[in-house]
Amino acid sequence: ILQRECLVDRAAELGKYLGEAFLPLSQHQHVADVRGIGLMWAVELVRDKQTRKPYPRSAQVAERLFDRLLEVGVLTYPSTGFVDGDGDALMIGPPFIISENELDFVINAIQEAVEDLLGSLQYHTNG
């Protein structure tokens, strides 16, 4: 099926689309990096973009974003603990048959969740 329906090529094409669509999110003050290949992408979240200082593990940023996105029907993979035990990232790996409209929904949901959650967290984790 992968070969017959050219799904690997489709994933590569949609990956380019996804990378471009994630560009605005990469400018967010709490996003250190957005990286990926094909349809596997990650958003690395930090407390301070300039120093790349992560949120403390106790803030559970990845888990909270996962929960918020699940509420709107977006399934992600939370990733944690890669900077001396701290650090958060959110990963996506949608199916090869996802449409551009569905990707737009995912991207918008992630952008909104990051803005809402991390905007409120900056007031609670300073110091």
N, C-alpha and C. Protein backbone atom coordinates (compact mmCIF):
# COMPACT_ATOMS: atom_id res chain seq x y z
N ILE A 1 0.83 -1.19 0.00
CA ILE A 1 0.00 0.00 0.00
C ILE A 1 0.88 1.25 0.00
N LEU A 2 1.97 1.22 0.79
CA LEU A 2 2.86 2.38 0.83
C LEU A 2 3.40 2.71 -0.56
N GLN A 3 3.82 1.68 -1.29
CA GLN A 3 4.36 1.90 -2.63
C GLN A 3 3.25 2.24 -3.63
N ARG A 4 2.21 1.45 -3.61
CA ARG A 4 1.13 1.63 -4.59
C ARG A 4 0.50 3.02 -4.49
N GLU A 5 0.33 3.51 -3.28
CA GLU A 5 -0.32 4.80 -3.09
C GLU A 5 0.68 5.94 -2.89
N CYS A 6 1.96 5.65 -3.09
CA CYS A 6 3.03 6.66 -3.01
C CYS A 6 2.98 7.44 -1.69
N LEU A 7 2.74 6.73 -0.60
CA LEU A 7 2.56 7.40 0.69
C LEU A 7 3.85 7.95 1.27
N VAL A 8 4.98 7.36 0.97
CA VAL A 8 6.25 7.91 1.46
C VAL A 8 6.52 9.25 0.78
N ASP A 9 6.29 9.32 -0.53
CA ASP A 9 6.45 10.60 -1.24
C ASP A 9 5.47 11.63 -0.71
N ARG A 10 4.25 11.18 -0.43
CA ARG A 10 3.22 12.08 0.10
C ARG A 10 3.66 12.63 1.47
N ALA A 11 4.23 11.77 2.31
CA ALA A 11 4.70 12.21 3.61
C ALA A 11 5.81 13.26 3.47
N ALA A 12 6.68 13.07 2.50
CA ALA A 12 7.76 14.04 2.27
C ALA A 12 7.18 15.39 1.83
N GLU A 13 6.19 15.35 0.93
CA GLU A 13 5.57 16.60 0.46
C GLU A 13 4.82 17.29 1.60
N LEU A 14 4.05 16.53 2.36
CA LEU A 14 3.31 17.12 3.47
C LEU A 14 4.25 17.60 4.57
N GLY A 15 5.40 16.96 4.69
CA GLY A 15 6.39 17.41 5.67
C GLY A 15 6.90 18.80 5.34
N LYS A 16 7.10 19.09 4.07
CA LYS A 16 7.50 20.44 3.66
C LYS A 16 6.40 21.45 4.01
N TYR A 17 5.17 21.06 3.73
CA TYR A 17 4.02 21.90 4.05
C TYR A 17 3.97 22.16 5.56
N LEU A 18 4.15 21.11 6.32
CA LEU A 18 4.11 21.20 7.78
C LEU A 18 5.23 22.09 8.30
N GLY A 19 6.42 21.95 7.78
CA GLY A 19 7.54 22.78 8.19
C GLY A 19 7.28 24.26 7.96
N GLU A 20 6.73 24.58 6.80
CA GLU A 20 6.40 25.98 6.50
C GLU A 20 5.29 26.49 7.40
N ALA A 21 4.32 25.64 7.66
CA ALA A 21 3.19 26.05 8.50
C ALA A 21 3.61 26.26 9.96
N PHE A 22 4.66 25.58 10.38
CA PHE A 22 5.16 25.72 11.75
C PHE A 22 6.07 26.93 11.93
N LEU A 23 6.45 27.62 10.86
CA LEU A 23 7.37 28.76 10.97
C LEU A 23 6.90 29.82 11.97
N PRO A 24 5.63 30.22 11.95
CA PRO A 24 5.22 31.22 12.95
C PRO A 24 5.40 30.73 14.39
N LEU A 25 5.15 29.46 14.63
CA LEU A 25 5.31 28.92 15.97
C LEU A 25 6.77 28.94 16.40
N SER A 26 7.68 28.77 15.47
CA SER A 26 9.11 28.77 15.81
C SER A 26 9.57 30.13 16.32
N GLN A 27 8.79 31.17 16.07
CA GLN A 27 9.13 32.51 16.54
C GLN A 27 8.61 32.80 17.95
N HIS A 28 7.80 31.89 18.50
CA HIS A 28 7.21 32.10 19.82
C HIS A 28 8.30 32.19 20.88
N GLN A 29 8.09 33.04 21.86
CA GLN A 29 9.10 33.29 22.90
C GLN A 29 9.42 32.08 23.76
N HIS A 30 8.58 31.05 23.74
CA HIS A 30 8.83 29.86 24.54
C HIS A 30 9.08 28.62 23.69
N VAL A 31 9.35 28.82 22.42
CA VAL A 31 9.68 27.71 21.51
C VAL A 31 11.14 27.84 21.11
N ALA A 32 11.95 26.87 21.55
CA ALA A 32 13.38 26.90 21.23
C ALA A 32 13.62 26.46 19.80
N ASP A 33 12.85 25.47 19.35
CA ASP A 33 13.09 24.92 18.03
C ASP A 33 11.87 24.13 17.56
N VAL A 34 11.66 24.14 16.27
CA VAL A 34 10.68 23.27 15.62
C VAL A 34 11.47 22.53 14.56
N ARG A 35 11.48 21.21 14.65
CA ARG A 35 12.28 20.44 13.71
C ARG A 35 11.56 19.15 13.34
N GLY A 36 11.91 18.66 12.16
CA GLY A 36 11.29 17.41 11.76
C GLY A 36 11.70 17.00 10.37
N ILE A 37 11.17 15.87 9.98
CA ILE A 37 11.37 15.32 8.64
C ILE A 37 10.12 14.54 8.29
N GLY A 38 9.72 14.65 7.04
CA GLY A 38 8.49 13.98 6.64
C GLY A 38 7.36 14.47 7.53
N LEU A 39 6.61 13.54 8.09
CA LEU A 39 5.51 13.91 8.97
C LEU A 39 5.82 13.73 10.46
N MET A 40 7.08 13.56 10.80
CA MET A 40 7.47 13.46 12.21
C MET A 40 8.13 14.78 12.60
N TRP A 41 7.46 15.53 13.47
CA TRP A 41 7.94 16.84 13.87
C TRP A 41 7.90 17.01 15.38
N ALA A 42 8.76 17.88 15.88
CA ALA A 42 8.81 18.17 17.32
C ALA A 42 8.89 19.67 17.55
N VAL A 43 8.27 20.09 18.62
CA VAL A 43 8.31 21.48 19.07
C VAL A 43 8.97 21.46 20.44
N GLU A 44 10.17 22.05 20.54
CA GLU A 44 10.89 22.10 21.81
C GLU A 44 10.49 23.37 22.56
N LEU A 45 10.05 23.19 23.79
CA LEU A 45 9.50 24.27 24.59
C LEU A 45 10.48 24.66 25.69
N VAL A 46 10.67 25.95 25.87
CA VAL A 46 11.62 26.44 26.88
C VAL A 46 11.03 27.62 27.64
N ARG A 47 11.56 27.80 28.83
CA ARG A 47 11.16 28.92 29.66
C ARG A 47 11.74 30.22 29.13
N ASP A 48 12.97 30.15 28.61
CA ASP A 48 13.65 31.33 28.07
C ASP A 48 14.28 30.97 26.73
N LYS A 49 13.79 31.58 25.69
CA LYS A 49 14.26 31.25 24.34
C LYS A 49 15.73 31.61 24.13
N GLN A 50 16.16 32.74 24.66
CA GLN A 50 17.54 33.18 24.42
C GLN A 50 18.56 32.27 25.09
N THR A 51 18.29 31.86 26.32
CA THR A 51 19.23 31.00 27.03
C THR A 51 18.91 29.52 26.84
N ARG A 52 17.74 29.25 26.29
CA ARG A 52 17.21 27.88 26.12
C ARG A 52 17.02 27.18 27.47
N LYS A 53 16.82 27.96 28.50
CA LYS A 53 16.56 27.39 29.82
C LYS A 53 15.20 26.69 29.78
N PRO A 54 15.15 25.41 30.17
CA PRO A 54 13.89 24.68 30.12
C PRO A 54 12.99 25.01 31.30
N TYR A 55 11.74 24.64 31.14
CA TYR A 55 10.83 24.68 32.28
C TYR A 55 11.24 23.59 33.26
N PRO A 56 11.00 23.80 34.55
CA PRO A 56 11.28 22.72 35.49
C PRO A 56 10.32 21.56 35.25
N ARG A 57 10.75 20.39 35.53
CA ARG A 57 9.94 19.19 35.33
C ARG A 57 8.62 19.30 36.09
N SER A 58 8.65 19.98 37.24
CA SER A 58 7.45 20.12 38.05
C SER A 58 6.32 20.88 37.34
N ALA A 59 6.65 21.68 36.33
CA ALA A 59 5.64 22.42 35.58
C ALA A 59 4.84 21.52 34.64
N GLN A 60 5.37 20.37 34.30
CA GLN A 60 4.71 19.38 33.44
C GLN A 60 4.14 20.02 32.16
N VAL A 61 4.96 20.79 31.49
CA VAL A 61 4.53 21.52 30.30
C VAL A 61 4.08 20.57 29.19
N ALA A 62 4.89 19.58 28.86
CA ALA A 62 4.54 18.67 27.77
C ALA A 62 3.25 17.91 28.08
N GLU A 63 3.12 17.47 29.31
CA GLU A 63 1.93 16.73 29.69
C GLU A 63 0.68 17.60 29.66
N ARG A 64 0.81 18.84 30.10
CA ARG A 64 -0.33 19.75 30.09
C ARG A 64 -0.75 20.11 28.67
N LEU A 65 0.23 20.30 27.80
CA LEU A 65 -0.11 20.55 26.40
C LEU A 65 -0.77 19.32 25.77
N PHE A 66 -0.23 18.15 26.07
CA PHE A 66 -0.83 16.91 25.57
C PHE A 66 -2.31 16.84 25.97
N ASP A 67 -2.60 17.08 27.25
CA ASP A 67 -3.98 17.01 27.75
C ASP A 67 -4.88 18.02 27.05
N ARG A 68 -4.38 19.23 26.90
CA ARG A 68 -5.17 20.29 26.27
C ARG A 68 -5.47 19.96 24.81
N LEU A 69 -4.47 19.44 24.11
CA LEU A 69 -4.67 19.09 22.70
C LEU A 69 -5.57 17.88 22.54
N LEU A 70 -5.47 16.94 23.43
CA LEU A 70 -6.34 15.76 23.38
C LEU A 70 -7.81 16.17 23.52
N GLU A 71 -8.07 17.18 24.31
CA GLU A 71 -9.44 17.68 24.49
C GLU A 71 -10.06 18.15 23.18
N VAL A 72 -9.24 18.63 22.26
CA VAL A 72 -9.77 19.11 20.97
C VAL A 72 -9.55 18.09 19.85
N GLY A 73 -9.10 16.89 20.21
CA GLY A 73 -8.98 15.83 19.22
C GLY A 73 -7.64 15.72 18.52
N VAL A 74 -6.60 16.32 19.08
CA VAL A 74 -5.26 16.24 18.49
C VAL A 74 -4.39 15.37 19.38
N LEU A 75 -3.93 14.27 18.83
CA LEU A 75 -3.08 13.34 19.57
C LEU A 75 -1.62 13.66 19.30
N THR A 76 -0.87 13.89 20.36
CA THR A 76 0.56 14.22 20.25
C THR A 76 1.34 13.25 21.12
N TYR A 77 2.65 13.40 21.09
CA TYR A 77 3.54 12.60 21.93
C TYR A 77 4.31 13.56 22.82
N PRO A 78 4.04 13.57 24.14
CA PRO A 78 4.83 14.44 25.01
C PRO A 78 6.21 13.82 25.24
N SER A 79 7.22 14.65 25.23
CA SER A 79 8.59 14.19 25.45
C SER A 79 9.20 15.07 26.53
N THR A 80 9.90 14.44 27.49
CA THR A 80 10.40 15.21 28.63
C THR A 80 11.79 14.74 29.05
N GLY A 81 12.42 15.59 29.85
CA GLY A 81 13.62 15.21 30.58
C GLY A 81 14.90 15.07 29.79
N PHE A 82 15.20 15.98 28.89
CA PHE A 82 16.43 15.85 28.13
C PHE A 82 17.45 16.95 28.41
N VAL A 83 17.24 17.74 29.46
CA VAL A 83 18.22 18.74 29.90
C VAL A 83 18.40 18.54 31.40
N ASP A 84 19.27 17.63 31.77
CA ASP A 84 19.49 17.31 33.18
C ASP A 84 18.19 17.00 33.91
N GLY A 85 17.28 16.30 33.24
CA GLY A 85 16.01 15.91 33.84
C GLY A 85 14.87 16.87 33.53
N ASP A 86 15.19 18.11 33.18
CA ASP A 86 14.16 19.08 32.80
C ASP A 86 14.03 19.08 31.28
N GLY A 87 13.11 19.86 30.78
CA GLY A 87 12.95 19.99 29.34
C GLY A 87 11.67 19.35 28.85
N ASP A 88 11.07 19.99 27.85
CA ASP A 88 9.80 19.54 27.30
C ASP A 88 9.79 19.71 25.79
N ALA A 89 9.14 18.76 25.15
CA ALA A 89 8.89 18.86 23.72
C ALA A 89 7.56 18.18 23.44
N LEU A 90 6.97 18.59 22.36
CA LEU A 90 5.73 17.99 21.90
C LEU A 90 6.00 17.47 20.50
N MET A 91 5.68 16.22 20.27
CA MET A 91 5.95 15.63 18.95
C MET A 91 4.63 15.23 18.29
N ILE A 92 4.63 15.31 16.97
CA ILE A 92 3.48 14.81 16.21
C ILE A 92 3.99 13.85 15.15
N GLY A 93 3.17 12.90 14.83
CA GLY A 93 3.46 11.92 13.79
C GLY A 93 2.15 11.48 13.17
N PRO A 94 1.51 12.37 12.42
CA PRO A 94 0.20 12.03 11.86
C PRO A 94 0.30 10.94 10.80
N PRO A 95 -0.82 10.31 10.49
CA PRO A 95 -0.82 9.27 9.46
C PRO A 95 -0.47 9.85 8.09
N PHE A 96 0.08 9.01 7.24
CA PHE A 96 0.46 9.44 5.89
C PHE A 96 -0.73 9.91 5.06
N ILE A 97 -1.93 9.55 5.44
CA ILE A 97 -3.11 9.91 4.65
C ILE A 97 -3.78 11.19 5.13
N ILE A 98 -3.17 11.88 6.08
CA ILE A 98 -3.75 13.11 6.59
C ILE A 98 -3.85 14.15 5.47
N SER A 99 -4.90 14.97 5.52
CA SER A 99 -5.09 16.01 4.51
C SER A 99 -4.44 17.31 4.97
N GLU A 100 -4.24 18.24 4.05
CA GLU A 100 -3.70 19.55 4.41
C GLU A 100 -4.65 20.27 5.36
N ASN A 101 -5.96 20.13 5.14
CA ASN A 101 -6.93 20.76 6.05
C ASN A 101 -6.80 20.20 7.46
N GLU A 102 -6.60 18.89 7.57
CA GLU A 102 -6.42 18.28 8.89
C GLU A 102 -5.11 18.74 9.52
N LEU A 103 -4.06 18.88 8.71
CA LEU A 103 -2.78 19.41 9.23
C LEU A 103 -2.96 20.84 9.72
N ASP A 104 -3.71 21.63 8.99
CA ASP A 104 -3.98 23.01 9.42
C ASP A 104 -4.66 23.02 10.79
N PHE A 105 -5.61 22.11 10.98
CA PHE A 105 -6.31 22.00 12.26
C PHE A 105 -5.31 21.67 13.37
N VAL A 106 -4.42 20.70 13.12
CA VAL A 106 -3.41 20.29 14.10
C VAL A 106 -2.49 21.46 14.43
N ILE A 107 -1.99 22.12 13.41
CA ILE A 107 -1.06 23.25 13.62
C ILE A 107 -1.73 24.37 14.40
N ASN A 108 -2.94 24.72 14.02
CA ASN A 108 -3.66 25.78 14.73
C ASN A 108 -3.91 25.40 16.18
N ALA A 109 -4.28 24.16 16.41
CA ALA A 109 -4.53 23.70 17.78
C ALA A 109 -3.25 23.78 18.61
N ILE A 110 -2.14 23.36 18.05
CA ILE A 110 -0.86 23.42 18.77
C ILE A 110 -0.48 24.87 19.05
N GLN A 111 -0.62 25.74 18.06
CA GLN A 111 -0.28 27.15 18.26
C GLN A 111 -1.12 27.77 19.36
N GLU A 112 -2.42 27.49 19.34
CA GLU A 112 -3.31 28.04 20.36
C GLU A 112 -2.97 27.50 21.74
N ALA A 113 -2.72 26.21 21.83
CA ALA A 113 -2.40 25.60 23.12
C ALA A 113 -1.09 26.14 23.68
N VAL A 114 -0.09 26.28 22.83
CA VAL A 114 1.20 26.82 23.27
C VAL A 114 1.01 28.26 23.76
N GLU A 115 0.30 29.05 23.00
CA GLU A 115 0.08 30.45 23.38
C GLU A 115 -0.68 30.54 24.69
N ASP A 116 -1.76 29.79 24.82
CA ASP A 116 -2.59 29.85 26.03
C ASP A 116 -1.84 29.33 27.25
N LEU A 117 -1.28 28.14 27.15
CA LEU A 117 -0.65 27.53 28.31
C LEU A 117 0.65 28.23 28.70
N LEU A 118 1.52 28.46 27.73
CA LEU A 118 2.82 29.03 28.07
C LEU A 118 2.72 30.51 28.41
N GLY A 119 1.72 31.18 27.87
CA GLY A 119 1.49 32.57 28.26
C GLY A 119 1.12 32.67 29.73
N SER A 120 0.31 31.72 30.21
CA SER A 120 -0.08 31.74 31.61
C SER A 120 1.04 31.20 32.51
N LEU A 121 1.84 30.28 32.01
CA LEU A 121 2.92 29.70 32.82
C LEU A 121 4.02 30.70 33.13
N GLN A 122 4.27 31.66 32.24
CA GLN A 122 5.37 32.58 32.50
C GLN A 122 5.14 33.37 33.77
N TYR A 123 3.89 33.55 34.15
CA TYR A 123 3.61 34.28 35.38
C TYR A 123 3.78 33.41 36.62
N HIS A 124 3.70 32.09 36.44
CA HIS A 124 3.75 31.17 37.58
C HIS A 124 5.12 30.52 37.77
N THR A 125 6.02 30.66 36.81
CA THR A 125 7.31 29.97 36.94
C THR A 125 8.48 30.94 36.95
N ASN A 126 8.22 32.24 37.03
CA ASN A 126 9.33 33.20 37.09
C ASN A 126 10.01 33.11 38.47
N GLY A 127 11.31 33.37 38.45
CA GLY A 127 12.02 33.41 39.72
C GLY A 127 13.02 32.32 39.85
